[in-house]
Structures are given as C-alpha cells and as structure tokens.
mmCIF file of all heavy atoms, coordinates in Angstrom:
data_MODEL
# 
_entry.id   MODEL 
# 
loop_
_atom_site.group_PDB 
_atom_site.id 
_atom_site.type_symbol 
_atom_site.label_atom_id 
_atom_site.label_alt_id 
_atom_site.label_comp_id 
_atom_site.label_asym_id 
_atom_site.label_entity_id 
_atom_site.label_seq_id 
_atom_site.pdbx_PDB_ins_code 
_atom_site.Cartn_x 
_atom_site.Cartn_y 
_atom_site.Cartn_z 
_atom_site.occupancy 
_atom_site.B_iso_or_equiv 
_atom_site.pdbx_formal_charge 
_atom_site.auth_seq_id 
_atom_site.auth_comp_id 
_atom_site.auth_asym_id 
_atom_site.auth_atom_id 
_atom_site.pdbx_PDB_model_num 
ATOM 1   N N   . ALA A 1 1  ? -3.523  -7.450  -2.150  1.00 0.00 ? 1  ALA A N   1 
ATOM 2   C CA  . ALA A 1 1  ? -2.994  -8.470  -1.239  1.00 0.00 ? 1  ALA A CA  1 
ATOM 3   C C   . ALA A 1 1  ? -3.021  -7.992  0.208   1.00 0.00 ? 1  ALA A C   1 
ATOM 4   O O   . ALA A 1 1  ? -3.375  -8.739  1.129   1.00 0.00 ? 1  ALA A O   1 
ATOM 5   C CB  . ALA A 1 1  ? -1.573  -8.844  -1.647  1.00 0.00 ? 1  ALA A CB  1 
ATOM 6   N N   . LEU A 1 2  ? -2.665  -6.738  0.433   1.00 0.00 ? 2  LEU A N   1 
ATOM 7   C CA  . LEU A 1 2  ? -2.670  -6.187  1.791   1.00 0.00 ? 2  LEU A CA  1 
ATOM 8   C C   . LEU A 1 2  ? -4.099  -5.972  2.289   1.00 0.00 ? 2  LEU A C   1 
ATOM 9   O O   . LEU A 1 2  ? -4.371  -6.054  3.496   1.00 0.00 ? 2  LEU A O   1 
ATOM 10  C CB  . LEU A 1 2  ? -1.895  -4.873  1.829   1.00 0.00 ? 2  LEU A CB  1 
ATOM 11  C CG  . LEU A 1 2  ? -0.379  -4.984  1.628   1.00 0.00 ? 2  LEU A CG  1 
ATOM 12  C CD1 . LEU A 1 2  ? 0.237   -3.597  1.498   1.00 0.00 ? 2  LEU A CD1 1 
ATOM 13  C CD2 . LEU A 1 2  ? 0.268   -5.746  2.773   1.00 0.00 ? 2  LEU A CD2 1 
ATOM 14  N N   . TRP A 1 3  ? -5.010  -5.706  1.357   1.00 0.00 ? 3  TRP A N   1 
ATOM 15  C CA  . TRP A 1 3  ? -6.392  -5.410  1.723   1.00 0.00 ? 3  TRP A CA  1 
ATOM 16  C C   . TRP A 1 3  ? -7.163  -6.664  2.129   1.00 0.00 ? 3  TRP A C   1 
ATOM 17  O O   . TRP A 1 3  ? -7.792  -6.716  3.177   1.00 0.00 ? 3  TRP A O   1 
ATOM 18  C CB  . TRP A 1 3  ? -7.085  -4.704  0.557   1.00 0.00 ? 3  TRP A CB  1 
ATOM 19  C CG  . TRP A 1 3  ? -8.533  -4.394  0.805   1.00 0.00 ? 3  TRP A CG  1 
ATOM 20  C CD1 . TRP A 1 3  ? -9.102  -3.927  1.959   1.00 0.00 ? 3  TRP A CD1 1 
ATOM 21  C CD2 . TRP A 1 3  ? -9.602  -4.529  -0.140  1.00 0.00 ? 3  TRP A CD2 1 
ATOM 22  N NE1 . TRP A 1 3  ? -10.448 -3.753  1.796   1.00 0.00 ? 3  TRP A NE1 1 
ATOM 23  C CE2 . TRP A 1 3  ? -10.791 -4.115  0.502   1.00 0.00 ? 3  TRP A CE2 1 
ATOM 24  C CE3 . TRP A 1 3  ? -9.663  -4.929  -1.467  1.00 0.00 ? 3  TRP A CE3 1 
ATOM 25  C CZ2 . TRP A 1 3  ? -12.018 -4.122  -0.132  1.00 0.00 ? 3  TRP A CZ2 1 
ATOM 26  C CZ3 . TRP A 1 3  ? -10.888 -4.923  -2.104  1.00 0.00 ? 3  TRP A CZ3 1 
ATOM 27  C CH2 . TRP A 1 3  ? -12.054 -4.533  -1.430  1.00 0.00 ? 3  TRP A CH2 1 
ATOM 28  N N   . ASN A 1 4  ? -7.086  -7.710  1.272   1.00 0.00 ? 4  ASN A N   1 
ATOM 29  C CA  . ASN A 1 4  ? -7.886  -8.900  1.585   1.00 0.00 ? 4  ASN A CA  1 
ATOM 30  C C   . ASN A 1 4  ? -7.093  -10.211 1.549   1.00 0.00 ? 4  ASN A C   1 
ATOM 31  O O   . ASN A 1 4  ? -7.666  -11.294 1.662   1.00 0.00 ? 4  ASN A O   1 
ATOM 32  C CB  . ASN A 1 4  ? -9.078  -9.007  0.636   1.00 0.00 ? 4  ASN A CB  1 
ATOM 33  C CG  . ASN A 1 4  ? -8.649  -9.111  -0.821  1.00 0.00 ? 4  ASN A CG  1 
ATOM 34  O OD1 . ASN A 1 4  ? -7.508  -9.419  -1.130  1.00 0.00 ? 4  ASN A OD1 1 
ATOM 35  N ND2 . ASN A 1 4  ? -9.587  -8.860  -1.728  1.00 0.00 ? 4  ASN A ND2 1 
ATOM 36  N N   . GLY A 1 5  ? -5.778  -10.108 1.368   1.00 0.00 ? 5  GLY A N   1 
ATOM 37  C CA  . GLY A 1 5  ? -4.942  -11.303 1.404   1.00 0.00 ? 5  GLY A CA  1 
ATOM 38  C C   . GLY A 1 5  ? -4.905  -12.093 0.119   1.00 0.00 ? 5  GLY A C   1 
ATOM 39  O O   . GLY A 1 5  ? -4.231  -13.124 0.029   1.00 0.00 ? 5  GLY A O   1 
ATOM 40  N N   . ASN A 1 6  ? -5.611  -11.628 -0.910  1.00 0.00 ? 6  ASN A N   1 
ATOM 41  C CA  . ASN A 1 6  ? -5.637  -12.345 -2.190  1.00 0.00 ? 6  ASN A CA  1 
ATOM 42  C C   . ASN A 1 6  ? -4.515  -11.860 -3.107  1.00 0.00 ? 6  ASN A C   1 
ATOM 43  O O   . ASN A 1 6  ? -4.232  -10.666 -3.178  1.00 0.00 ? 6  ASN A O   1 
ATOM 44  C CB  . ASN A 1 6  ? -6.978  -12.146 -2.900  1.00 0.00 ? 6  ASN A CB  1 
ATOM 45  C CG  . ASN A 1 6  ? -8.119  -12.823 -2.161  1.00 0.00 ? 6  ASN A CG  1 
ATOM 46  O OD1 . ASN A 1 6  ? -7.926  -13.863 -1.532  1.00 0.00 ? 6  ASN A OD1 1 
ATOM 47  N ND2 . ASN A 1 6  ? -9.302  -12.226 -2.208  1.00 0.00 ? 6  ASN A ND2 1 
ATOM 48  N N   . ASN A 1 7  ? -3.917  -12.802 -3.793  1.00 0.00 ? 7  ASN A N   1 
ATOM 49  C CA  . ASN A 1 7  ? -2.875  -12.469 -4.760  1.00 0.00 ? 7  ASN A CA  1 
ATOM 50  C C   . ASN A 1 7  ? -3.455  -12.621 -6.164  1.00 0.00 ? 7  ASN A C   1 
ATOM 51  O O   . ASN A 1 7  ? -3.717  -13.733 -6.617  1.00 0.00 ? 7  ASN A O   1 
ATOM 52  C CB  . ASN A 1 7  ? -1.674  -13.410 -4.579  1.00 0.00 ? 7  ASN A CB  1 
ATOM 53  C CG  . ASN A 1 7  ? -0.474  -12.983 -5.427  1.00 0.00 ? 7  ASN A CG  1 
ATOM 54  O OD1 . ASN A 1 7  ? -0.580  -12.102 -6.268  1.00 0.00 ? 7  ASN A OD1 1 
ATOM 55  N ND2 . ASN A 1 7  ? 0.663   -13.614 -5.194  1.00 0.00 ? 7  ASN A ND2 1 
ATOM 56  N N   . ILE A 1 8  ? -3.706  -11.495 -6.833  1.00 0.00 ? 8  ILE A N   1 
ATOM 57  C CA  . ILE A 1 8  ? -4.313  -11.537 -8.170  1.00 0.00 ? 8  ILE A CA  1 
ATOM 58  C C   . ILE A 1 8  ? -3.238  -11.895 -9.197  1.00 0.00 ? 8  ILE A C   1 
ATOM 59  O O   . ILE A 1 8  ? -2.738  -11.050 -9.928  1.00 0.00 ? 8  ILE A O   1 
ATOM 60  C CB  . ILE A 1 8  ? -5.022  -10.210 -8.523  1.00 0.00 ? 8  ILE A CB  1 
ATOM 61  C CG1 . ILE A 1 8  ? -4.147  -8.988  -8.191  1.00 0.00 ? 8  ILE A CG1 1 
ATOM 62  C CG2 . ILE A 1 8  ? -6.346  -10.119 -7.801  1.00 0.00 ? 8  ILE A CG2 1 
ATOM 63  C CD1 . ILE A 1 8  ? -4.794  -7.675  -8.567  1.00 0.00 ? 8  ILE A CD1 1 
ATOM 64  N N   . LYS A 1 9  ? -2.903  -13.187 -9.215  1.00 0.00 ? 9  LYS A N   1 
ATOM 65  C CA  . LYS A 1 9  ? -1.778  -13.669 -10.004 1.00 0.00 ? 9  LYS A CA  1 
ATOM 66  C C   . LYS A 1 9  ? -1.983  -13.484 -11.497 1.00 0.00 ? 9  LYS A C   1 
ATOM 67  O O   . LYS A 1 9  ? -1.009  -13.432 -12.245 1.00 0.00 ? 9  LYS A O   1 
ATOM 68  C CB  . LYS A 1 9  ? -1.530  -15.146 -9.683  1.00 0.00 ? 9  LYS A CB  1 
ATOM 69  C CG  . LYS A 1 9  ? -1.097  -15.381 -8.233  1.00 0.00 ? 9  LYS A CG  1 
ATOM 70  C CD  . LYS A 1 9  ? -0.881  -16.863 -7.964  1.00 0.00 ? 9  LYS A CD  1 
ATOM 71  C CE  . LYS A 1 9  ? -0.458  -17.089 -6.517  1.00 0.00 ? 9  LYS A CE  1 
ATOM 72  N NZ  . LYS A 1 9  ? -0.267  -18.535 -6.226  1.00 0.00 ? 9  LYS A NZ  1 
ATOM 73  N N   . TYR A 1 10 ? -3.242  -13.403 -11.954 1.00 0.00 ? 10 TYR A N   1 
ATOM 74  C CA  . TYR A 1 10 ? -3.481  -13.277 -13.391 1.00 0.00 ? 10 TYR A CA  1 
ATOM 75  C C   . TYR A 1 10 ? -2.787  -12.043 -13.959 1.00 0.00 ? 10 TYR A C   1 
ATOM 76  O O   . TYR A 1 10 ? -2.337  -12.044 -15.089 1.00 0.00 ? 10 TYR A O   1 
ATOM 77  C CB  . TYR A 1 10 ? -4.973  -13.211 -13.675 1.00 0.00 ? 10 TYR A CB  1 
ATOM 78  C CG  . TYR A 1 10 ? -5.290  -13.144 -15.159 1.00 0.00 ? 10 TYR A CG  1 
ATOM 79  C CD1 . TYR A 1 10 ? -5.345  -14.300 -15.931 1.00 0.00 ? 10 TYR A CD1 1 
ATOM 80  C CD2 . TYR A 1 10 ? -5.514  -11.925 -15.789 1.00 0.00 ? 10 TYR A CD2 1 
ATOM 81  C CE1 . TYR A 1 10 ? -5.617  -14.248 -17.284 1.00 0.00 ? 10 TYR A CE1 1 
ATOM 82  C CE2 . TYR A 1 10 ? -5.787  -11.864 -17.151 1.00 0.00 ? 10 TYR A CE2 1 
ATOM 83  C CZ  . TYR A 1 10 ? -5.834  -13.031 -17.887 1.00 0.00 ? 10 TYR A CZ  1 
ATOM 84  O OH  . TYR A 1 10 ? -6.088  -12.972 -19.224 1.00 0.00 ? 10 TYR A OH  1 
ATOM 85  N N   . PHE A 1 11 ? -2.680  -10.987 -13.143 1.00 0.00 ? 11 PHE A N   1 
ATOM 86  C CA  . PHE A 1 11 ? -2.063  -9.752  -13.622 1.00 0.00 ? 11 PHE A CA  1 
ATOM 87  C C   . PHE A 1 11 ? -0.561  -9.886  -13.780 1.00 0.00 ? 11 PHE A C   1 
ATOM 88  O O   . PHE A 1 11 ? 0.086   -9.012  -14.338 1.00 0.00 ? 11 PHE A O   1 
ATOM 89  C CB  . PHE A 1 11 ? -2.402  -8.600  -12.671 1.00 0.00 ? 11 PHE A CB  1 
ATOM 90  C CG  . PHE A 1 11 ? -3.736  -7.970  -12.955 1.00 0.00 ? 11 PHE A CG  1 
ATOM 91  C CD1 . PHE A 1 11 ? -4.890  -8.531  -12.460 1.00 0.00 ? 11 PHE A CD1 1 
ATOM 92  C CD2 . PHE A 1 11 ? -3.828  -6.842  -13.741 1.00 0.00 ? 11 PHE A CD2 1 
ATOM 93  C CE1 . PHE A 1 11 ? -6.133  -7.968  -12.727 1.00 0.00 ? 11 PHE A CE1 1 
ATOM 94  C CE2 . PHE A 1 11 ? -5.060  -6.263  -14.025 1.00 0.00 ? 11 PHE A CE2 1 
ATOM 95  C CZ  . PHE A 1 11 ? -6.214  -6.830  -13.515 1.00 0.00 ? 11 PHE A CZ  1 
ATOM 96  N N   . ASN A 1 12 ? 0.017   -10.971 -13.278 1.00 0.00 ? 12 ASN A N   1 
ATOM 97  C CA  . ASN A 1 12 ? 1.435   -11.239 -13.483 1.00 0.00 ? 12 ASN A CA  1 
ATOM 98  C C   . ASN A 1 12 ? 1.652   -12.570 -14.197 1.00 0.00 ? 12 ASN A C   1 
ATOM 99  O O   . ASN A 1 12 ? 2.697   -13.199 -14.051 1.00 0.00 ? 12 ASN A O   1 
ATOM 100 C CB  . ASN A 1 12 ? 2.195   -11.234 -12.150 1.00 0.00 ? 12 ASN A CB  1 
ATOM 101 C CG  . ASN A 1 12 ? 2.761   -9.848  -11.839 1.00 0.00 ? 12 ASN A CG  1 
ATOM 102 O OD1 . ASN A 1 12 ? 2.623   -8.927  -12.645 1.00 0.00 ? 12 ASN A OD1 1 
ATOM 103 N ND2 . ASN A 1 12 ? 3.386   -9.702  -10.703 1.00 0.00 ? 12 ASN A ND2 1 
ATOM 104 N N   . SER A 1 13 ? 0.656   -12.973 -14.978 1.00 0.00 ? 13 SER A N   1 
ATOM 105 C CA  . SER A 1 13 ? 0.783   -14.193 -15.774 1.00 0.00 ? 13 SER A CA  1 
ATOM 106 C C   . SER A 1 13 ? 1.332   -13.834 -17.155 1.00 0.00 ? 13 SER A C   1 
ATOM 107 O O   . SER A 1 13 ? 0.875   -12.875 -17.783 1.00 0.00 ? 13 SER A O   1 
ATOM 108 C CB  . SER A 1 13 ? -0.579  -14.870 -15.921 1.00 0.00 ? 13 SER A CB  1 
ATOM 109 O OG  . SER A 1 13 ? -0.530  -15.875 -16.907 1.00 0.00 ? 13 SER A OG  1 
ATOM 110 N N   . TYR A 1 14 ? 2.323   -14.601 -17.616 1.00 0.00 ? 14 TYR A N   1 
ATOM 111 C CA  . TYR A 1 14 ? 2.923   -14.321 -18.916 1.00 0.00 ? 14 TYR A CA  1 
ATOM 112 C C   . TYR A 1 14 ? 1.900   -14.315 -20.041 1.00 0.00 ? 14 TYR A C   1 
ATOM 113 O O   . TYR A 1 14 ? 2.078   -13.616 -21.041 1.00 0.00 ? 14 TYR A O   1 
ATOM 114 C CB  . TYR A 1 14 ? 3.996   -15.366 -19.241 1.00 0.00 ? 14 TYR A CB  1 
ATOM 115 C CG  . TYR A 1 14 ? 5.228   -15.292 -18.364 1.00 0.00 ? 14 TYR A CG  1 
ATOM 116 C CD1 . TYR A 1 14 ? 5.759   -16.435 -17.783 1.00 0.00 ? 14 TYR A CD1 1 
ATOM 117 C CD2 . TYR A 1 14 ? 5.867   -14.085 -18.130 1.00 0.00 ? 14 TYR A CD2 1 
ATOM 118 C CE1 . TYR A 1 14 ? 6.895   -16.381 -16.986 1.00 0.00 ? 14 TYR A CE1 1 
ATOM 119 C CE2 . TYR A 1 14 ? 7.000   -14.006 -17.335 1.00 0.00 ? 14 TYR A CE2 1 
ATOM 120 C CZ  . TYR A 1 14 ? 7.509   -15.164 -16.760 1.00 0.00 ? 14 TYR A CZ  1 
ATOM 121 O OH  . TYR A 1 14 ? 8.626   -15.095 -15.980 1.00 0.00 ? 14 TYR A OH  1 
ATOM 122 N N   . THR A 1 15 ? 0.841   -15.103 -19.898 1.00 0.00 ? 15 THR A N   1 
ATOM 123 C CA  . THR A 1 15 ? -0.154  -15.196 -20.964 1.00 0.00 ? 15 THR A CA  1 
ATOM 124 C C   . THR A 1 15 ? -1.429  -14.411 -20.659 1.00 0.00 ? 15 THR A C   1 
ATOM 125 O O   . THR A 1 15 ? -2.378  -14.450 -21.434 1.00 0.00 ? 15 THR A O   1 
ATOM 126 C CB  . THR A 1 15 ? -0.533  -16.675 -21.210 1.00 0.00 ? 15 THR A CB  1 
ATOM 127 O OG1 . THR A 1 15 ? -1.009  -17.252 -19.982 1.00 0.00 ? 15 THR A OG1 1 
ATOM 128 C CG2 . THR A 1 15 ? 0.666   -17.459 -21.701 1.00 0.00 ? 15 THR A CG2 1 
ATOM 129 N N   . GLY A 1 16 ? -1.466  -13.706 -19.529 1.00 0.00 ? 16 GLY A N   1 
ATOM 130 C CA  . GLY A 1 16 ? -2.605  -12.865 -19.211 1.00 0.00 ? 16 GLY A CA  1 
ATOM 131 C C   . GLY A 1 16 ? -2.557  -11.589 -20.039 1.00 0.00 ? 16 GLY A C   1 
ATOM 132 O O   . GLY A 1 16 ? -1.484  -11.062 -20.329 1.00 0.00 ? 16 GLY A O   1 
ATOM 133 N N   . PHE A 1 17 ? -3.711  -11.081 -20.434 1.00 0.00 ? 17 PHE A N   1 
ATOM 134 C CA  . PHE A 1 17 ? -3.683  -9.929  -21.350 1.00 0.00 ? 17 PHE A CA  1 
ATOM 135 C C   . PHE A 1 17 ? -3.028  -8.679  -20.761 1.00 0.00 ? 17 PHE A C   1 
ATOM 136 O O   . PHE A 1 17 ? -2.453  -7.876  -21.504 1.00 0.00 ? 17 PHE A O   1 
ATOM 137 C CB  . PHE A 1 17 ? -5.087  -9.623  -21.894 1.00 0.00 ? 17 PHE A CB  1 
ATOM 138 C CG  . PHE A 1 17 ? -6.024  -8.935  -20.953 1.00 0.00 ? 17 PHE A CG  1 
ATOM 139 C CD1 . PHE A 1 17 ? -6.033  -7.563  -20.835 1.00 0.00 ? 17 PHE A CD1 1 
ATOM 140 C CD2 . PHE A 1 17 ? -6.928  -9.670  -20.193 1.00 0.00 ? 17 PHE A CD2 1 
ATOM 141 C CE1 . PHE A 1 17 ? -6.912  -6.922  -19.979 1.00 0.00 ? 17 PHE A CE1 1 
ATOM 142 C CE2 . PHE A 1 17 ? -7.806  -9.035  -19.336 1.00 0.00 ? 17 PHE A CE2 1 
ATOM 143 C CZ  . PHE A 1 17 ? -7.791  -7.660  -19.216 1.00 0.00 ? 17 PHE A CZ  1 
ATOM 144 N N   . PRO A 1 18 ? -3.026  -8.439  -19.416 1.00 0.00 ? 18 PRO A N   1 
ATOM 145 C CA  . PRO A 1 18 ? -2.292  -7.271  -18.905 1.00 0.00 ? 18 PRO A CA  1 
ATOM 146 C C   . PRO A 1 18 ? -0.800  -7.349  -19.202 1.00 0.00 ? 18 PRO A C   1 
ATOM 147 O O   . PRO A 1 18 ? -0.201  -6.378  -19.661 1.00 0.00 ? 18 PRO A O   1 
ATOM 148 C CB  . PRO A 1 18 ? -2.572  -7.322  -17.397 1.00 0.00 ? 18 PRO A CB  1 
ATOM 149 C CG  . PRO A 1 18 ? -3.865  -8.058  -17.276 1.00 0.00 ? 18 PRO A CG  1 
ATOM 150 C CD  . PRO A 1 18 ? -3.796  -9.105  -18.330 1.00 0.00 ? 18 PRO A CD  1 
ATOM 151 N N   . VAL A 1 19 ? -0.192  -8.525  -18.963 1.00 0.00 ? 19 VAL A N   1 
ATOM 152 C CA  . VAL A 1 19 ? 1.243   -8.698  -19.212 1.00 0.00 ? 19 VAL A CA  1 
ATOM 153 C C   . VAL A 1 19 ? 1.535   -8.704  -20.705 1.00 0.00 ? 19 VAL A C   1 
ATOM 154 O O   . VAL A 1 19 ? 2.537   -8.133  -21.160 1.00 0.00 ? 19 VAL A O   1 
ATOM 155 C CB  . VAL A 1 19 ? 1.759   -9.997  -18.562 1.00 0.00 ? 19 VAL A CB  1 
ATOM 156 C CG1 . VAL A 1 19 ? 3.213   -10.260 -18.962 1.00 0.00 ? 19 VAL A CG1 1 
ATOM 157 C CG2 . VAL A 1 19 ? 1.649   -9.912  -17.052 1.00 0.00 ? 19 VAL A CG2 1 
ATOM 158 N N   . VAL A 1 20 ? 0.659   -9.335  -21.485 1.00 0.00 ? 20 VAL A N   1 
ATOM 159 C CA  . VAL A 1 20 ? 0.855   -9.375  -22.932 1.00 0.00 ? 20 VAL A CA  1 
ATOM 160 C C   . VAL A 1 20 ? 0.850   -7.967  -23.519 1.00 0.00 ? 20 VAL A C   1 
ATOM 161 O O   . VAL A 1 20 ? 1.729   -7.599  -24.306 1.00 0.00 ? 20 VAL A O   1 
ATOM 162 C CB  . VAL A 1 20 ? -0.236  -10.240 -23.602 1.00 0.00 ? 20 VAL A CB  1 
ATOM 163 C CG1 . VAL A 1 20 ? -0.194  -10.077 -25.125 1.00 0.00 ? 20 VAL A CG1 1 
ATOM 164 C CG2 . VAL A 1 20 ? -0.047  -11.705 -23.224 1.00 0.00 ? 20 VAL A CG2 1 
ATOM 165 N N   . LEU A 1 21 ? -0.122  -7.158  -23.120 1.00 0.00 ? 21 LEU A N   1 
ATOM 166 C CA  . LEU A 1 21 ? -0.171  -5.773  -23.609 1.00 0.00 ? 21 LEU A CA  1 
ATOM 167 C C   . LEU A 1 21 ? 1.056   -4.979  -23.170 1.00 0.00 ? 21 LEU A C   1 
ATOM 168 O O   . LEU A 1 21 ? 1.638   -4.214  -23.938 1.00 0.00 ? 21 LEU A O   1 
ATOM 169 C CB  . LEU A 1 21 ? -1.441  -5.086  -23.100 1.00 0.00 ? 21 LEU A CB  1 
ATOM 170 C CG  . LEU A 1 21 ? -2.637  -5.024  -24.050 1.00 0.00 ? 21 LEU A CG  1 
ATOM 171 C CD1 . LEU A 1 21 ? -3.801  -4.309  -23.388 1.00 0.00 ? 21 LEU A CD1 1 
ATOM 172 C CD2 . LEU A 1 21 ? -2.269  -4.326  -25.353 1.00 0.00 ? 21 LEU A CD2 1 
ATOM 173 N N   . PHE A 1 22 ? 1.444   -5.154  -21.914 1.00 0.00 ? 22 PHE A N   1 
ATOM 174 C CA  . PHE A 1 22 ? 2.612   -4.467  -21.368 1.00 0.00 ? 22 PHE A CA  1 
ATOM 175 C C   . PHE A 1 22 ? 3.862   -4.851  -22.153 1.00 0.00 ? 22 PHE A C   1 
ATOM 176 O O   . PHE A 1 22 ? 4.685   -3.995  -22.523 1.00 0.00 ? 22 PHE A O   1 
ATOM 177 C CB  . PHE A 1 22 ? 2.769   -4.831  -19.889 1.00 0.00 ? 22 PHE A CB  1 
ATOM 178 C CG  . PHE A 1 22 ? 3.801   -4.027  -19.153 1.00 0.00 ? 22 PHE A CG  1 
ATOM 179 C CD1 . PHE A 1 22 ? 4.199   -2.769  -19.592 1.00 0.00 ? 22 PHE A CD1 1 
ATOM 180 C CD2 . PHE A 1 22 ? 4.379   -4.536  -17.995 1.00 0.00 ? 22 PHE A CD2 1 
ATOM 181 C CE1 . PHE A 1 22 ? 5.151   -2.027  -18.886 1.00 0.00 ? 22 PHE A CE1 1 
ATOM 182 C CE2 . PHE A 1 22 ? 5.335   -3.811  -17.288 1.00 0.00 ? 22 PHE A CE2 1 
ATOM 183 C CZ  . PHE A 1 22 ? 5.718   -2.556  -17.738 1.00 0.00 ? 22 PHE A CZ  1 
ATOM 184 N N   . SER A 1 23 ? 4.001   -6.130  -22.452 1.00 0.00 ? 23 SER A N   1 
ATOM 185 C CA  . SER A 1 23 ? 5.165   -6.630  -23.192 1.00 0.00 ? 23 SER A CA  1 
ATOM 186 C C   . SER A 1 23 ? 5.192   -6.083  -24.620 1.00 0.00 ? 23 SER A C   1 
ATOM 187 O O   . SER A 1 23 ? 6.242   -5.694  -25.135 1.00 0.00 ? 23 SER A O   1 
ATOM 188 C CB  . SER A 1 23 ? 5.155   -8.159  -23.208 1.00 0.00 ? 23 SER A CB  1 
ATOM 189 O OG  . SER A 1 23 ? 5.078   -8.687  -21.904 1.00 0.00 ? 23 SER A OG  1 
ATOM 190 N N   . MET A 1 24 ? 4.033   -6.073  -25.255 1.00 0.00 ? 24 MET A N   1 
ATOM 191 C CA  . MET A 1 24 ? 3.946   -5.516  -26.605 1.00 0.00 ? 24 MET A CA  1 
ATOM 192 C C   . MET A 1 24 ? 4.334   -4.041  -26.601 1.00 0.00 ? 24 MET A C   1 
ATOM 193 O O   . MET A 1 24 ? 5.019   -3.560  -27.518 1.00 0.00 ? 24 MET A O   1 
ATOM 194 C CB  . MET A 1 24 ? 2.526   -5.675  -27.140 1.00 0.00 ? 24 MET A CB  1 
ATOM 195 C CG  . MET A 1 24 ? 2.121   -7.098  -27.461 1.00 0.00 ? 24 MET A CG  1 
ATOM 196 S SD  . MET A 1 24 ? 0.372   -7.194  -27.990 1.00 0.00 ? 24 MET A SD  1 
ATOM 197 C CE  . MET A 1 24 ? 0.277   -8.909  -28.516 1.00 0.00 ? 24 MET A CE  1 
ATOM 198 N N   . ALA A 1 25 ? 3.917   -3.329  -25.563 1.00 0.00 ? 25 ALA A N   1 
ATOM 199 C CA  . ALA A 1 25 ? 4.232   -1.907  -25.451 1.00 0.00 ? 25 ALA A CA  1 
ATOM 200 C C   . ALA A 1 25 ? 5.734   -1.690  -25.313 1.00 0.00 ? 25 ALA A C   1 
ATOM 201 O O   . ALA A 1 25 ? 6.297   -0.760  -25.914 1.00 0.00 ? 25 ALA A O   1 
ATOM 202 C CB  . ALA A 1 25 ? 3.500   -1.305  -24.259 1.00 0.00 ? 25 ALA A CB  1 
ATOM 203 N N   . ILE A 1 26 ? 6.396   -2.541  -24.531 1.00 0.00 ? 26 ILE A N   1 
ATOM 204 C CA  . ILE A 1 26 ? 7.848   -2.438  -24.365 1.00 0.00 ? 26 ILE A CA  1 
ATOM 205 C C   . ILE A 1 26 ? 8.544   -2.646  -25.700 1.00 0.00 ? 26 ILE A C   1 
ATOM 206 O O   . ILE A 1 26 ? 9.436   -1.875  -26.096 1.00 0.00 ? 26 ILE A O   1 
ATOM 207 C CB  . ILE A 1 26 ? 8.358   -3.468  -23.334 1.00 0.00 ? 26 ILE A CB  1 
ATOM 208 C CG1 . ILE A 1 26 ? 7.816   -3.159  -21.932 1.00 0.00 ? 26 ILE A CG1 1 
ATOM 209 C CG2 . ILE A 1 26 ? 9.887   -3.517  -23.323 1.00 0.00 ? 26 ILE A CG2 1 
ATOM 210 C CD1 . ILE A 1 26 ? 8.335   -1.878  -21.322 1.00 0.00 ? 26 ILE A CD1 1 
# 
C-alpha cells in the first residue's frame, strides 16, 4: 500500500486462501 497505493484486500478476505489457512492453523 505504501509502495504503490494498492490495497491487496484478498489477503484479508475471510474466504481468501491466506486467511483460511491462517485460521485453520490457529
């Protein structure tokens, strides 16, 4: 976001695989 102003929201989406994997790990 600081580099190019884009917010990569997929990485904080409840159904995106990064969050899903993180949640499963917890």
